[in-house]
Protein backbone atom coordinates (compact mmCIF):
# COMPACT_ATOMS: atom_id res chain seq x y z
CA MET A 1 -15.52 24.32 10.80
CA LYS A 2 -12.79 25.76 12.07
CA GLU A 3 -11.22 29.09 11.83
CA GLU A 4 -8.65 28.39 9.89
CA ASP A 5 -10.63 26.43 7.17
CA ARG A 6 -12.97 29.42 6.83
CA ALA A 7 -9.98 31.62 5.91
CA ARG A 8 -8.15 29.31 3.27
CA VAL A 9 -9.83 30.10 -0.31
CA LEU A 10 -8.43 28.24 -3.11
CA TYR A 11 -7.82 30.78 -5.85
CA GLY A 12 -7.59 30.33 -9.88
CA ARG A 13 -9.64 28.15 -12.07
CA ARG A 14 -10.59 24.38 -11.37
CA MET A 15 -11.79 23.77 -14.91
CA GLY A 16 -11.13 25.07 -18.36
CA ARG A 17 -12.35 23.28 -21.29
CA PRO A 18 -14.61 20.25 -20.95
CA LEU A 19 -12.02 17.09 -20.80
CA ARG A 20 -11.96 15.10 -23.99
CA PRO A 21 -13.56 11.36 -23.50
CA ALA A 22 -10.32 9.65 -23.04
CA ARG A 23 -9.15 12.05 -20.52
CA ARG A 24 -13.04 11.82 -18.48
CA ARG A 25 -12.45 7.98 -18.45
CA LEU A 26 -8.44 8.09 -17.06
CA MET A 27 -10.43 10.76 -14.13
CA ASP A 28 -13.19 8.12 -13.48
CA GLU A 29 -11.00 4.74 -13.63
CA LEU A 30 -7.23 5.90 -13.26
CA LEU A 31 -7.19 8.72 -10.49
CA PRO A 32 -9.14 7.02 -7.49
CA ARG A 33 -6.36 4.24 -7.90
CA ILE A 34 -3.35 7.21 -7.63
CA GLN A 35 -5.00 9.63 -5.79
CA VAL A 36 -3.76 11.35 -2.30
CA GLU A 37 -6.57 11.56 0.16
CA PRO A 38 -5.32 13.83 2.87
CA ALA A 39 -7.68 13.05 5.77
CA GLY A 40 -7.59 11.43 8.92
CA GLY A 41 -4.51 12.11 10.92
CA ILE A 42 -0.59 12.43 9.72
CA LEU A 43 -0.19 10.80 6.33
CA ASP A 44 3.32 8.29 5.66
CA PRO A 45 3.98 9.60 2.01
CA ALA A 46 6.54 6.63 1.64
CA GLY A 47 3.65 4.37 2.61
CA LEU A 48 0.98 6.05 -0.80
CA PHE A 49 3.38 4.04 -3.50
CA ASP A 50 2.79 0.26 -3.90
CA SER A 51 6.61 -0.71 -4.32
CA PRO A 52 9.25 0.88 -1.41
CA VAL A 53 10.74 4.50 -2.24
CA GLU A 54 14.42 5.56 -1.73
CA ASP A 55 12.89 9.10 -1.32
CA VAL A 56 9.54 11.16 -1.63
CA TRP A 57 9.31 14.55 -3.89
CA LEU A 58 6.50 16.73 -3.69
CA GLU A 59 5.18 19.28 -6.87
CA VAL A 60 2.98 22.14 -5.74
CA GLY A 61 1.12 23.22 -8.65
CA PHE A 62 2.23 20.64 -11.73
CA GLY A 63 0.06 22.54 -14.40
CA GLY A 64 0.75 19.88 -17.31
CA GLY A 65 2.39 17.31 -15.28
CA GLU A 66 5.49 17.19 -18.12
CA HIS A 67 8.03 18.05 -15.36
CA LEU A 68 6.34 15.85 -12.66
CA ALA A 69 6.22 12.42 -15.27
CA GLU A 70 9.87 13.47 -16.70
CA GLN A 71 11.23 13.26 -13.05
CA ALA A 72 9.15 10.07 -12.07
CA ARG A 73 10.52 8.65 -15.31
CA ARG A 74 14.45 9.65 -14.35
CA ASN A 75 13.90 8.49 -10.75
CA GLU A 76 12.29 5.40 -10.73
CA GLY A 77 13.11 4.76 -6.85
CA VAL A 78 11.71 8.03 -5.87
CA GLY A 79 8.04 8.39 -5.20
CA LEU A 80 6.15 11.80 -6.24
CA ILE A 81 3.34 13.57 -4.86
CA GLY A 82 1.87 16.31 -7.44
CA CYS A 83 -0.59 18.80 -6.10
CA GLU A 84 -2.81 20.44 -8.85
CA PRO A 85 -6.56 21.50 -8.36
CA PHE A 86 -6.83 22.39 -12.67
CA LEU A 87 -8.33 19.25 -13.67
CA ASN A 88 -7.62 19.66 -17.27
CA GLY A 89 -3.55 19.34 -15.86
CA VAL A 90 -4.73 16.64 -13.95
CA GLY A 91 -6.07 15.14 -17.34
CA ARG A 92 -3.12 15.83 -18.98
CA LEU A 93 -0.88 13.97 -16.52
CA LEU A 94 -2.82 11.14 -16.27
CA SER A 95 -2.95 10.35 -20.07
CA GLU A 96 1.33 10.39 -19.69
CA ILE A 97 1.14 7.76 -16.90
CA ASP A 98 -1.52 6.04 -18.64
CA GLU A 99 0.68 5.81 -21.84
CA HIS A 100 3.69 5.44 -20.22
CA GLY A 101 2.96 3.26 -17.55
CA ILE A 102 4.61 5.19 -14.76
CA ASP A 103 4.00 4.10 -11.21
CA ASN A 104 5.30 6.07 -8.93
CA ILE A 105 3.17 9.13 -9.22
CA ARG A 106 0.19 9.84 -6.67
CA ILE A 107 -1.76 13.12 -7.17
CA LEU A 108 -3.52 15.60 -4.66
CA PRO A 109 -6.42 17.05 -7.16
CA ASP A 110 -6.52 19.97 -4.89
CA ASP A 111 -5.10 22.70 -2.46
CA ALA A 112 -1.25 21.32 -1.83
CA ARG A 113 -2.10 23.06 1.56
CA ASP A 114 -4.65 20.29 2.92
CA LEU A 115 -1.44 18.03 1.92
CA LEU A 116 1.04 19.63 3.81
CA ASP A 117 -1.00 20.10 6.94
CA VAL A 118 -0.54 15.93 7.32
CA LEU A 119 2.79 15.56 6.32
CA PRO A 120 5.00 14.52 9.01
CA ASP A 121 8.03 16.25 9.97
CA ALA A 122 11.10 16.20 7.81
CA SER A 123 9.24 13.71 5.20
CA ILE A 124 10.49 15.16 1.65
CA GLY A 125 13.76 15.18 -0.16
CA ARG A 126 12.73 17.91 -2.64
CA ALA A 127 9.68 19.84 -3.62
CA PHE A 128 8.95 21.85 -6.66
CA VAL A 129 6.90 25.07 -6.92
CA LEU A 130 7.70 26.24 -10.94
CA PHE A 131 6.07 29.01 -12.73
CA ALA A 132 3.33 29.53 -10.40
CA ASP A 133 0.43 31.88 -11.17
CA PRO A 134 1.88 35.21 -10.33
CA TRP A 135 -0.47 36.96 -9.13
CA PRO A 136 0.54 40.70 -11.03
CA LYS A 137 -2.02 42.69 -9.27
CA LYS A 138 -0.89 44.27 -5.86
CA ARG A 139 -3.96 43.41 -4.01
CA HIS A 140 -3.51 39.48 -4.79
CA ARG A 141 0.08 39.62 -3.82
CA GLN A 142 -1.14 37.48 -0.63
CA ARG A 143 -2.42 34.85 -3.29
CA ARG A 144 1.04 34.08 -3.98
CA PHE A 145 1.94 30.42 -2.98
CA ILE A 146 5.63 31.41 -2.35
CA GLY A 147 5.11 33.79 0.77
CA PRO A 148 5.41 33.57 4.89
CA ASP A 149 1.94 31.61 5.02
CA ASN A 150 3.44 28.33 3.02
CA LEU A 151 7.39 28.99 3.50
CA PRO A 152 7.22 27.49 7.49
CA ARG A 153 4.65 24.65 5.92
CA LEU A 154 7.29 23.55 3.53
CA ALA A 155 9.92 23.77 5.90
CA ARG A 156 8.23 21.75 8.76
CA VAL A 157 8.05 18.61 5.91
CA LEU A 158 11.54 19.38 3.98
CA LYS A 159 14.44 17.05 5.13
CA ASP A 160 17.14 18.66 6.48
CA GLY A 161 19.39 19.31 3.46
CA ALA A 162 16.56 18.70 1.05
CA GLU A 163 16.42 21.40 -2.02
CA LEU A 164 13.11 23.68 -2.47
CA ARG A 165 13.24 24.83 -6.65
CA LEU A 166 11.10 27.64 -7.23
CA ALA A 167 11.03 29.16 -10.80
CA SER A 168 9.35 31.96 -12.85
CA ASP A 169 9.54 34.20 -15.76
CA ARG A 170 8.01 37.08 -14.12
CA MET A 171 10.22 39.42 -12.56
CA PRO A 172 7.95 40.84 -9.79
CA LEU A 173 7.43 37.30 -8.43
CA ILE A 174 11.26 36.21 -8.80
CA ARG A 175 11.83 39.39 -6.70
CA TRP A 176 9.07 38.24 -4.42
CA MET A 177 9.92 34.76 -4.06
CA LEU A 178 14.08 35.56 -2.90
CA PHE A 179 12.65 38.19 -0.68
CA HIS A 180 10.36 35.73 1.43
CA THR A 181 12.93 32.87 1.20
CA LEU A 182 16.06 34.27 1.62
CA GLY A 183 14.02 36.09 4.79
CA HIS A 184 13.25 32.70 6.32
CA PRO A 185 15.91 31.30 9.26
CA GLU A 186 15.39 27.93 7.82
CA PHE A 187 16.29 28.43 4.02
CA GLU A 188 19.46 29.14 2.18
CA TRP A 189 20.08 30.29 -1.79
CA THR A 190 22.62 27.70 -3.21
CA ALA A 191 23.48 30.14 -6.00
CA ARG A 192 27.01 31.28 -6.21
CA GLY A 193 27.18 33.24 -9.38
CA PRO A 194 24.41 34.12 -12.17
CA GLU A 195 24.47 31.02 -13.76
CA ASP A 196 23.55 29.09 -11.01
CA TRP A 197 19.94 31.02 -11.69
CA ARG A 198 20.01 31.67 -15.45
CA ARG A 199 20.25 28.47 -16.68
CA ARG A 200 18.42 25.64 -15.88
CA PRO A 201 20.19 22.69 -14.13
CA ASP A 202 20.35 19.56 -16.05
CA ASP A 203 18.33 17.65 -13.71
CA TRP A 204 15.52 19.80 -14.14
CA PRO A 205 13.26 19.10 -17.15
CA PRO A 206 11.51 21.78 -18.69
CA THR A 207 7.77 22.58 -18.67
CA ARG A 208 5.27 24.07 -21.15
CA TYR A 209 5.23 27.37 -19.29
CA GLU A 210 9.01 27.54 -19.43
CA ALA A 211 8.88 27.17 -23.18
CA LYS A 212 6.15 29.79 -23.76
CA ALA A 213 8.77 32.11 -21.84
CA LEU A 214 11.57 31.69 -23.94
CA ALA A 215 9.16 32.05 -27.21
CA ARG A 216 8.67 35.13 -26.17
CA GLY A 217 11.98 36.22 -25.19
CA GLU A 218 11.76 36.04 -21.74
CA GLN A 219 14.31 34.68 -19.42
CA PRO A 220 13.16 32.40 -16.53
CA ALA A 221 15.31 32.33 -12.95
CA TYR A 222 15.72 29.20 -11.64
CA LEU A 223 16.18 29.47 -7.98
CA THR A 224 17.34 26.39 -5.36
CA PHE A 225 17.14 26.49 -1.80
CA ARG A 226 18.43 24.24 0.93
CA ARG A 227 16.70 23.36 3.59
CA ARG A 228 18.65 24.56 6.82
CA PRO A 229 19.65 21.14 9.09
CA ARG A 230 17.30 21.54 12.46
CA ARG A 231 19.04 22.07 15.63
């Protein structure tokens, strides 16, 4: 085993409550048809889809999948890849895909880093990391996905000018993401005023986690960064 493989640990739960029978069936029958297998060398993301796609977008940690499913419905010419190790969330998204006949989503039910490591340079047109686990304890901060370990991975796979969209309702995580992403030379923040991060753009579908935050009276931040052109 390589040293980097020994050091890579996937934190967080893999399973919550037992899946309902219908979702267990989808895990057995539908997931294998649309699952991404990041093994065997460089993976062409556009080649994962049955029909030609004009672009490929990536969501890291899609939760229940409502944002990913809505983006797929609104952007039929785009292929979307979602990564989520929490299998209950995968089951929820599979139900959406099955119910609405969505055919432009592919799923990695595992660690997004495994996929990022096999994607070609400049192959992703947009990436989302929305309402990620804030890991609030000081000793757990290095578990936060947006940070010095994964920003270089994202910068490598994003196309020039591609958007990196981040959201959270937890101010310590918001400050953390701003600090690290603003400090990375390949990203620029697109905000020009407070409304650019206080208001969710119209082409940014809501999530369950956002709704819960708003119900608690907490204002999420919506951060959009752009991948600078390569020199």
